[in-house]
Structure formats: C-alpha cells, structure tokens
Amino acid sequence: MANKRKNIKKYYRFDMDIKLMNILASILYVIFFIYLFENTYFSTFDFSLVAIILMFLYFALHEICHGIGYALFAKNKKNIKFGAILEKGVFYAMCQEEISKKAIIVSLLFPILILTLIPLPFAIIFKNSLVLFLAITNLIGAIGDILLIKLVLKLPKNITYIDYDNNIGAYFLCDEDISNVKSLGLKCHETKIHDENLINKDIKTIYISEPSKKFFIIMGVILILLFIINMI
C-alpha cells in the first residue's frame, strides 16, 4: 500500500506574476523603441494601424506555433486546442494530454524559433523595420515562455505537462513534491491528486469568444478599406 501511495501523481499548478511580466515587457519595449528610432536604418518605421493589426495576427501565430510543437508529441491531435478571449487579453494553445519534459520545452521554444530567430536576420540584412518590430514583439511576448522554460529545467526528468482547462496557469504532473520549486515570475499555487476527470473536454477545438469575433470582423473591414484606399 505504501508503494502505491508513492507512485500517486499530483498536479502542481504554477501561476505567473502578471505584473512582473508587464513590467519586464514594458522595459524591453522602451529599450527596443529607443534603438529603433536612434538607428538610421529603422528610423522610418511607421507605427500604423496596419502594424498594430499585424501584431495581433502575430500573437495568434505565436499560439499556433505552440500548437505545432504540441502536435509533434501528442498521441491524439484532437487534444490540441486553440482559442481567443481578447476581452481577457488572451490567445491560447492547449494540450489536454500528458506530454514529456522534453516536449514542453520544444513547444515553448517553437514560436521563438519560427517568429523571431528566423525572421530577425532577414529584418536586419534587408533593413525591414516592420519585420524587425514583429520579431521583437514576439520575443517580448515570449517572456512568459522563457521564464517557464527556466522553471521546467529545474523540475525532475519524469514530470509531464497537461492543460486541464483554458485558464492561465501551467500544470505539471509528478510523483515527487515540486511545490517548493521557485523560479522568477512563477510560483506553485495549487496541488491536488491528478484525475482524468479534471480535464475539461467540453472546450472546443477552436474557440473564439463573441467580443473576439467582433474585434476580428472590425479589423478585417479596416484592412479591406485600407487596401481599397491604397489602390485608388
């Protein structure tokens, strides 16, 4: 009986310090824009409405990249889900099945590789300020991912990761006590016995909240109007 208890898996939910994330992001953006406008190659950058819309699309692509990372390891692709809840400032990608420590690290790195490290040299070589802006915006938006990787590297090799629902928080399963593991911006706030029934299977594969739908429609109309105006 004692051996069975030792092998019981618990989930440990680590939450991010959102205030710290926002402070770090703001500082990095200030540094970036100082560089952008002092550098003669990029001083012509136009922070236009189009740039803002593309920035939102980049955030969505960021989550799609996470999803691709999950898909490389998930046994059932139906357990990978995406969503937008813009009234809460959230785009998300979920994996509602257990994946390994290696898998979660790869999934966290995927958006940084695809949307920052690959386009960044292009932006610098061809002096494209818009691409540079998007690549750096993605990197700054990945602060949470970077800090989460830092945490994961501290955890035991046998941990697994799972998303029970679309709430903000990272769930790790482990038969060792990892509740006292701390990392910058992340701390364990809840731990309970893992149960498959905790997984919210009612979440749609693709979910877009009503306010988010209205936002996308408005942005789409604006883009079309801007395109028509430029063609005239």
C-alpha atoms as a PDB file:
ATOM      1  CA  MET A   1       0.000   0.000   0.000  1.00  0.00           C
ATOM      2  CA  ALA A   2       2.880   2.356   0.859  1.00  0.00           C
ATOM      3  CA  ASN A   3       4.493   1.845  -2.590  1.00  0.00           C
ATOM      4  CA  LYS A   4       1.232   2.668  -4.329  1.00  0.00           C
ATOM      5  CA  ARG A   5       0.961   5.931  -2.460  1.00  0.00           C
ATOM      6  CA  LYS A   6       4.454   6.905  -3.523  1.00  0.00           C
ATOM      7  CA  ASN A   7       3.509   6.445  -7.177  1.00  0.00           C
ATOM      8  CA  ILE A   8       0.359   8.567  -6.977  1.00  0.00           C
ATOM      9  CA  LYS A   9       0.721  11.563  -9.292  1.00  0.00           C
ATOM     10  CA  LYS A  10      -0.242  15.013  -8.173  1.00  0.00           C
ATOM     11  CA  TYR A  11      -0.657  18.068 -10.321  1.00  0.00           C
ATOM     12  CA  TYR A  12       1.169  21.252  -9.412  1.00  0.00           C
ATOM     13  CA  ARG A  13      -0.261  24.460 -10.849  1.00  0.00           C
ATOM     14  CA  PHE A  14       2.292  27.206 -11.325  1.00  0.00           C
ATOM     15  CA  ASP A  15       0.945  30.715 -11.927  1.00  0.00           C
ATOM     16  CA  MET A  16       2.777  33.637 -13.473  1.00  0.00           C
ATOM     17  CA  ASP A  17       3.232  37.003 -11.836  1.00  0.00           C
ATOM     18  CA  ILE A  18       1.377  39.031 -14.475  1.00  0.00           C
ATOM     19  CA  LYS A  19       2.501  42.371 -13.014  1.00  0.00           C
ATOM     20  CA  LEU A  20       6.138  41.314 -13.297  1.00  0.00           C
ATOM     21  CA  MET A  21       5.553  40.130 -16.888  1.00  0.00           C
ATOM     22  CA  ASN A  22       4.029  43.500 -17.821  1.00  0.00           C
ATOM     23  CA  ILE A  23       6.865  45.441 -16.172  1.00  0.00           C
ATOM     24  CA  LEU A  24       9.533  43.387 -17.977  1.00  0.00           C
ATOM     25  CA  ALA A  25       7.677  43.714 -21.299  1.00  0.00           C
ATOM     26  CA  SER A  26       7.327  47.499 -20.889  1.00  0.00           C
ATOM     27  CA  ILE A  27      11.040  47.930 -20.096  1.00  0.00           C
ATOM     28  CA  LEU A  28      12.065  45.825 -23.098  1.00  0.00           C
ATOM     29  CA  TYR A  29       9.702  47.727 -25.418  1.00  0.00           C
ATOM     30  CA  VAL A  30      11.159  51.068 -24.279  1.00  0.00           C
ATOM     31  CA  ILE A  31      14.700  49.792 -24.937  1.00  0.00           C
ATOM     32  CA  PHE A  32      13.641  48.436 -28.338  1.00  0.00           C
ATOM     33  CA  PHE A  33      11.952  51.664 -29.492  1.00  0.00           C
ATOM     34  CA  ILE A  34      14.917  53.762 -28.355  1.00  0.00           C
ATOM     35  CA  TYR A  35      17.124  51.543 -30.543  1.00  0.00           C
ATOM     36  CA  LEU A  36      14.587  51.608 -33.384  1.00  0.00           C
ATOM     37  CA  PHE A  37      14.349  55.380 -33.623  1.00  0.00           C
ATOM     38  CA  GLU A  38      18.033  56.087 -32.977  1.00  0.00           C
ATOM     39  CA  ASN A  39      19.145  53.668 -35.673  1.00  0.00           C
ATOM     40  CA  THR A  40      19.104  55.480 -39.015  1.00  0.00           C
ATOM     41  CA  TYR A  41      18.240  52.263 -40.864  1.00  0.00           C
ATOM     42  CA  PHE A  42      14.980  51.822 -38.953  1.00  0.00           C
ATOM     43  CA  SER A  43      14.080  55.413 -38.042  1.00  0.00           C
ATOM     44  CA  THR A  44      11.439  55.477 -40.805  1.00  0.00           C
ATOM     45  CA  PHE A  45       9.341  52.850 -39.008  1.00  0.00           C
ATOM     46  CA  ASP A  46       5.654  53.777 -39.236  1.00  0.00           C
ATOM     47  CA  PHE A  47       3.693  52.585 -36.194  1.00  0.00           C
ATOM     48  CA  SER A  48       0.489  52.457 -38.230  1.00  0.00           C
ATOM     49  CA  LEU A  49      -2.856  50.739 -37.747  1.00  0.00           C
ATOM     50  CA  VAL A  50      -1.670  48.020 -40.134  1.00  0.00           C
ATOM     51  CA  ALA A  51       1.330  47.363 -37.874  1.00  0.00           C
ATOM     52  CA  ILE A  52      -0.996  47.026 -34.863  1.00  0.00           C
ATOM     53  CA  ILE A  53      -3.281  44.591 -36.719  1.00  0.00           C
ATOM     54  CA  LEU A  54      -0.287  42.541 -37.878  1.00  0.00           C
ATOM     55  CA  MET A  55       0.942  42.492 -34.281  1.00  0.00           C
ATOM     56  CA  PHE A  56      -2.335  40.867 -33.184  1.00  0.00           C
ATOM     57  CA  LEU A  57      -2.054  38.344 -36.027  1.00  0.00           C
ATOM     58  CA  TYR A  58       1.490  37.598 -34.869  1.00  0.00           C
ATOM     59  CA  PHE A  59       0.181  36.868 -31.365  1.00  0.00           C
ATOM     60  CA  ALA A  60      -2.248  34.368 -32.907  1.00  0.00           C
ATOM     61  CA  LEU A  61       0.596  32.799 -34.939  1.00  0.00           C
ATOM     62  CA  HIS A  62       2.596  32.547 -31.715  1.00  0.00           C
ATOM     63  CA  GLU A  63      -0.062  30.243 -30.233  1.00  0.00           C
ATOM     64  CA  ILE A  64      -0.362  28.273 -33.475  1.00  0.00           C
ATOM     65  CA  CYS A  65       3.386  27.613 -33.229  1.00  0.00           C
ATOM     66  CA  HIS A  66       2.882  26.291 -29.698  1.00  0.00           C
ATOM     67  CA  GLY A  67       0.183  24.030 -31.114  1.00  0.00           C
ATOM     68  CA  ILE A  68       2.547  22.719 -33.791  1.00  0.00           C
ATOM     69  CA  GLY A  69       5.070  21.982 -31.049  1.00  0.00           C
ATOM     70  CA  TYR A  70       2.421  20.044 -29.112  1.00  0.00           C
ATOM     71  CA  ALA A  71       1.428  18.151 -32.269  1.00  0.00           C
ATOM     72  CA  LEU A  72       4.959  16.788 -32.639  1.00  0.00           C
ATOM     73  CA  PHE A  73       4.495  14.826 -29.408  1.00  0.00           C
ATOM     74  CA  ALA A  74       0.762  14.441 -28.695  1.00  0.00           C
ATOM     75  CA  LYS A  75      -0.682  10.993 -29.423  1.00  0.00           C
ATOM     76  CA  ASN A  76      -4.166  12.336 -30.108  1.00  0.00           C
ATOM     77  CA  LYS A  77      -4.157  15.569 -32.120  1.00  0.00           C
ATOM     78  CA  LYS A  78      -7.770  16.216 -31.016  1.00  0.00           C
ATOM     79  CA  ASN A  79      -6.375  17.097 -27.594  1.00  0.00           C
ATOM     80  CA  ILE A  80      -4.689  20.186 -29.051  1.00  0.00           C
ATOM     81  CA  LYS A  81      -6.977  23.209 -28.872  1.00  0.00           C
ATOM     82  CA  PHE A  82      -6.793  26.903 -29.714  1.00  0.00           C
ATOM     83  CA  GLY A  83      -8.720  29.959 -28.667  1.00  0.00           C
ATOM     84  CA  ALA A  84      -9.017  33.723 -28.433  1.00  0.00           C
ATOM     85  CA  ILE A  85     -10.533  35.537 -25.460  1.00  0.00           C
ATOM     86  CA  LEU A  86      -9.423  39.067 -26.260  1.00  0.00           C
ATOM     87  CA  GLU A  87     -11.571  40.647 -23.527  1.00  0.00           C
ATOM     88  CA  LYS A  88      -9.122  38.937 -21.159  1.00  0.00           C
ATOM     89  CA  GLY A  89      -6.154  39.694 -23.412  1.00  0.00           C
ATOM     90  CA  VAL A  90      -5.653  36.015 -24.214  1.00  0.00           C
ATOM     91  CA  PHE A  91      -4.780  33.911 -27.232  1.00  0.00           C
ATOM     92  CA  TYR A  92      -4.113  30.329 -26.185  1.00  0.00           C
ATOM     93  CA  ALA A  93      -2.988  26.893 -27.346  1.00  0.00           C
ATOM     94  CA  MET A  94      -3.703  23.878 -25.147  1.00  0.00           C
ATOM     95  CA  CYS A  95      -2.597  20.265 -24.953  1.00  0.00           C
ATOM     96  CA  GLN A  96      -5.113  18.197 -22.989  1.00  0.00           C
ATOM     97  CA  GLU A  97      -2.958  15.111 -22.729  1.00  0.00           C
ATOM     98  CA  GLU A  98       0.287  14.434 -20.924  1.00  0.00           C
ATOM     99  CA  ILE A  99       3.500  15.340 -22.728  1.00  0.00           C
ATOM    100  CA  SER A 100       7.069  14.936 -21.507  1.00  0.00           C
ATOM    101  CA  LYS A 101       9.538  17.487 -20.149  1.00  0.00           C
ATOM    102  CA  LYS A 102      11.362  17.495 -23.491  1.00  0.00           C
ATOM    103  CA  ALA A 103       8.085  18.013 -25.358  1.00  0.00           C
ATOM    104  CA  ILE A 104       7.010  21.038 -23.343  1.00  0.00           C
ATOM    105  CA  ILE A 105      10.436  22.688 -23.740  1.00  0.00           C
ATOM    106  CA  VAL A 106      10.285  22.184 -27.533  1.00  0.00           C
ATOM    107  CA  SER A 107       6.703  23.512 -27.625  1.00  0.00           C
ATOM    108  CA  LEU A 108       7.693  26.606 -25.653  1.00  0.00           C
ATOM    109  CA  LEU A 109      10.693  27.286 -27.916  1.00  0.00           C
ATOM    110  CA  PHE A 110       8.823  26.816 -31.211  1.00  0.00           C
ATOM    111  CA  PRO A 111       7.321  30.357 -31.514  1.00  0.00           C
ATOM    112  CA  ILE A 112      10.672  31.947 -30.616  1.00  0.00           C
ATOM    113  CA  LEU A 113      12.409  29.949 -33.354  1.00  0.00           C
ATOM    114  CA  ILE A 114       9.783  30.429 -36.083  1.00  0.00           C
ATOM    115  CA  LEU A 115       8.658  34.000 -35.397  1.00  0.00           C
ATOM    116  CA  THR A 116      11.817  35.640 -34.004  1.00  0.00           C
ATOM    117  CA  LEU A 117      15.084  33.810 -34.687  1.00  0.00           C
ATOM    118  CA  ILE A 118      14.277  33.061 -38.348  1.00  0.00           C
ATOM    119  CA  PRO A 119      12.854  36.487 -39.440  1.00  0.00           C
ATOM    120  CA  LEU A 120      15.269  38.583 -37.332  1.00  0.00           C
ATOM    121  CA  PRO A 121      18.330  38.154 -39.625  1.00  0.00           C
ATOM    122  CA  PHE A 122      16.092  38.938 -42.631  1.00  0.00           C
ATOM    123  CA  ALA A 123      14.905  42.166 -40.953  1.00  0.00           C
ATOM    124  CA  ILE A 124      18.458  43.270 -40.143  1.00  0.00           C
ATOM    125  CA  ILE A 125      20.002  42.338 -43.528  1.00  0.00           C
ATOM    126  CA  PHE A 126      17.220  43.968 -45.576  1.00  0.00           C
ATOM    127  CA  LYS A 127      16.643  46.792 -43.048  1.00  0.00           C
ATOM    128  CA  ASN A 128      12.934  45.983 -42.792  1.00  0.00           C
ATOM    129  CA  SER A 129      11.620  47.833 -39.730  1.00  0.00           C
ATOM    130  CA  LEU A 130       8.155  46.180 -39.786  1.00  0.00           C
ATOM    131  CA  VAL A 131       9.559  42.642 -39.728  1.00  0.00           C
ATOM    132  CA  LEU A 132      12.019  43.712 -37.022  1.00  0.00           C
ATOM    133  CA  PHE A 133       9.141  45.155 -34.975  1.00  0.00           C
ATOM    134  CA  LEU A 134       7.105  41.931 -35.292  1.00  0.00           C
ATOM    135  CA  ALA A 135      10.073  39.674 -34.493  1.00  0.00           C
ATOM    136  CA  ILE A 136      10.993  41.675 -31.383  1.00  0.00           C
ATOM    137  CA  THR A 137       7.328  41.948 -30.338  1.00  0.00           C
ATOM    138  CA  ASN A 138       7.094  38.158 -30.471  1.00  0.00           C
ATOM    139  CA  LEU A 139      10.278  37.804 -28.405  1.00  0.00           C
ATOM    140  CA  ILE A 140       8.984  40.236 -25.772  1.00  0.00           C
ATOM    141  CA  GLY A 141       5.629  38.423 -25.796  1.00  0.00           C
ATOM    142  CA  ALA A 142       7.522  35.190 -25.153  1.00  0.00           C
ATOM    143  CA  ILE A 143       8.876  36.384 -21.793  1.00  0.00           C
ATOM    144  CA  GLY A 144       6.426  34.049 -20.074  1.00  0.00           C
ATOM    145  CA  ASP A 145       7.589  31.135 -22.237  1.00  0.00           C
ATOM    146  CA  ILE A 146      11.246  31.863 -21.465  1.00  0.00           C
ATOM    147  CA  LEU A 147      10.609  32.024 -17.718  1.00  0.00           C
ATOM    148  CA  LEU A 148       8.532  28.840 -17.940  1.00  0.00           C
ATOM    149  CA  ILE A 149      11.434  27.057 -19.678  1.00  0.00           C
ATOM    150  CA  LYS A 150      13.686  28.237 -16.831  1.00  0.00           C
ATOM    151  CA  LEU A 151      11.251  26.635 -14.364  1.00  0.00           C
ATOM    152  CA  VAL A 152      10.881  23.388 -16.343  1.00  0.00           C
ATOM    153  CA  LEU A 153      14.663  22.928 -16.421  1.00  0.00           C
ATOM    154  CA  LYS A 154      14.615  22.909 -12.613  1.00  0.00           C
ATOM    155  CA  LEU A 155      11.970  20.165 -12.425  1.00  0.00           C
ATOM    156  CA  PRO A 156      12.628  16.379 -12.307  1.00  0.00           C
ATOM    157  CA  LYS A 157      13.061  14.478 -15.581  1.00  0.00           C
ATOM    158  CA  ASN A 158       9.909  12.441 -15.045  1.00  0.00           C
ATOM    159  CA  ILE A 159       7.487  15.403 -14.903  1.00  0.00           C
ATOM    160  CA  THR A 160       4.745  15.654 -17.513  1.00  0.00           C
ATOM    161  CA  TYR A 161       2.700  18.652 -18.612  1.00  0.00           C
ATOM    162  CA  ILE A 162      -1.049  18.877 -19.245  1.00  0.00           C
ATOM    163  CA  ASP A 163      -3.720  21.569 -19.699  1.00  0.00           C
ATOM    164  CA  TYR A 164      -6.862  20.816 -17.714  1.00  0.00           C
ATOM    165  CA  ASP A 165      -8.640  23.922 -18.969  1.00  0.00           C
ATOM    166  CA  ASN A 166      -8.009  27.245 -20.716  1.00  0.00           C
ATOM    167  CA  ASN A 167      -7.266  29.180 -17.529  1.00  0.00           C
ATOM    168  CA  ILE A 168      -3.891  30.884 -17.188  1.00  0.00           C
ATOM    169  CA  GLY A 169      -1.510  28.560 -15.382  1.00  0.00           C
ATOM    170  CA  ALA A 170       0.905  25.709 -16.067  1.00  0.00           C
ATOM    171  CA  TYR A 171       0.052  22.237 -14.771  1.00  0.00           C
ATOM    172  CA  PHE A 172       2.844  19.736 -14.113  1.00  0.00           C
ATOM    173  CA  LEU A 173       2.287  16.141 -13.023  1.00  0.00           C
ATOM    174  CA  CYS A 174       4.850  14.491 -10.807  1.00  0.00           C
ATOM    175  CA  ASP A 175       5.116  11.792  -8.129  1.00  0.00           C
ATOM    176  CA  GLU A 176       7.668  13.945  -6.302  1.00  0.00           C
ATOM    177  CA  ASP A 177       6.872  17.080  -4.339  1.00  0.00           C
ATOM    178  CA  ILE A 178       7.785  20.055  -6.531  1.00  0.00           C
ATOM    179  CA  SER A 179       5.621  22.633  -4.742  1.00  0.00           C
ATOM    180  CA  ASN A 180       8.660  24.404  -3.295  1.00  0.00           C
ATOM    181  CA  VAL A 181      10.419  24.835  -6.632  1.00  0.00           C
ATOM    182  CA  LYS A 182      10.564  28.538  -7.442  1.00  0.00           C
ATOM    183  CA  SER A 183      11.625  30.475 -10.488  1.00  0.00           C
ATOM    184  CA  LEU A 184      11.475  34.150 -11.439  1.00  0.00           C
ATOM    185  CA  GLY A 185       7.847  35.129 -12.025  1.00  0.00           C
ATOM    186  CA  LEU A 186       6.446  31.654 -11.268  1.00  0.00           C
ATOM    187  CA  LYS A 187       5.249  30.008  -8.099  1.00  0.00           C
ATOM    188  CA  CYS A 188       3.176  26.923  -7.229  1.00  0.00           C
ATOM    189  CA  HIS A 189      -0.291  27.991  -6.082  1.00  0.00           C
ATOM    190  CA  GLU A 190      -2.202  24.705  -6.055  1.00  0.00           C
ATOM    191  CA  THR A 191      -1.569  20.983  -5.802  1.00  0.00           C
ATOM    192  CA  LYS A 192      -4.028  18.076  -5.876  1.00  0.00           C
ATOM    193  CA  ILE A 193      -4.209  14.423  -6.856  1.00  0.00           C
ATOM    194  CA  HIS A 194      -4.282  14.061 -10.642  1.00  0.00           C
ATOM    195  CA  ASP A 195      -7.604  12.815 -12.004  1.00  0.00           C
ATOM    196  CA  GLU A 196      -8.528  12.418 -15.692  1.00  0.00           C
ATOM    197  CA  ASN A 197     -11.981  13.772 -14.818  1.00  0.00           C
ATOM    198  CA  LEU A 198     -10.399  17.166 -14.117  1.00  0.00           C
ATOM    199  CA  ILE A 199      -9.726  17.612 -17.840  1.00  0.00           C
ATOM    200  CA  ASN A 200     -12.406  19.863 -19.306  1.00  0.00           C
ATOM    201  CA  LYS A 201     -13.309  18.014 -22.511  1.00  0.00           C
ATOM    202  CA  ASP A 202     -16.111  20.485 -23.273  1.00  0.00           C
ATOM    203  CA  ILE A 203     -13.632  23.052 -24.578  1.00  0.00           C
ATOM    204  CA  LYS A 204     -13.955  23.345 -28.363  1.00  0.00           C
ATOM    205  CA  THR A 205     -11.028  22.598 -30.678  1.00  0.00           C
ATOM    206  CA  ILE A 206     -11.181  26.226 -31.815  1.00  0.00           C
ATOM    207  CA  TYR A 207     -12.929  28.697 -29.525  1.00  0.00           C
ATOM    208  CA  ILE A 208     -13.364  32.413 -30.209  1.00  0.00           C
ATOM    209  CA  SER A 209     -15.343  34.487 -27.720  1.00  0.00           C
ATOM    210  CA  GLU A 210     -18.078  36.797 -29.019  1.00  0.00           C
ATOM    211  CA  PRO A 211     -16.127  40.032 -28.285  1.00  0.00           C
ATOM    212  CA  SER A 212     -13.134  38.497 -30.090  1.00  0.00           C
ATOM    213  CA  LYS A 213     -15.276  37.713 -33.150  1.00  0.00           C
ATOM    214  CA  LYS A 214     -16.458  41.330 -33.277  1.00  0.00           C
ATOM    215  CA  PHE A 215     -12.864  42.554 -32.977  1.00  0.00           C
ATOM    216  CA  PHE A 216     -11.684  40.334 -35.854  1.00  0.00           C
ATOM    217  CA  ILE A 217     -14.589  41.460 -38.055  1.00  0.00           C
ATOM    218  CA  ILE A 218     -13.828  45.148 -37.398  1.00  0.00           C
ATOM    219  CA  MET A 219     -10.104  44.651 -38.054  1.00  0.00           C
ATOM    220  CA  GLY A 220     -10.901  42.744 -41.259  1.00  0.00           C
ATOM    221  CA  VAL A 221     -13.146  45.555 -42.522  1.00  0.00           C
ATOM    222  CA  ILE A 222     -10.466  48.152 -41.691  1.00  0.00           C
ATOM    223  CA  LEU A 223      -7.812  46.159 -43.564  1.00  0.00           C
ATOM    224  CA  ILE A 224     -10.065  45.872 -46.625  1.00  0.00           C
ATOM    225  CA  LEU A 225     -10.821  49.610 -46.555  1.00  0.00           C
ATOM    226  CA  LEU A 226      -7.126  50.470 -46.222  1.00  0.00           C
ATOM    227  CA  PHE A 227      -6.337  48.186 -49.164  1.00  0.00           C
ATOM    228  CA  ILE A 228      -9.053  49.839 -51.299  1.00  0.00           C
ATOM    229  CA  ILE A 229      -7.834  53.327 -50.361  1.00  0.00           C
ATOM    230  CA  ASN A 230      -4.253  52.440 -51.321  1.00  0.00           C
ATOM    231  CA  MET A 231      -5.454  51.060 -54.651  1.00  0.00           C
ATOM    232  CA  ILE A 232      -7.303  54.281 -55.568  1.00  0.00           C
END
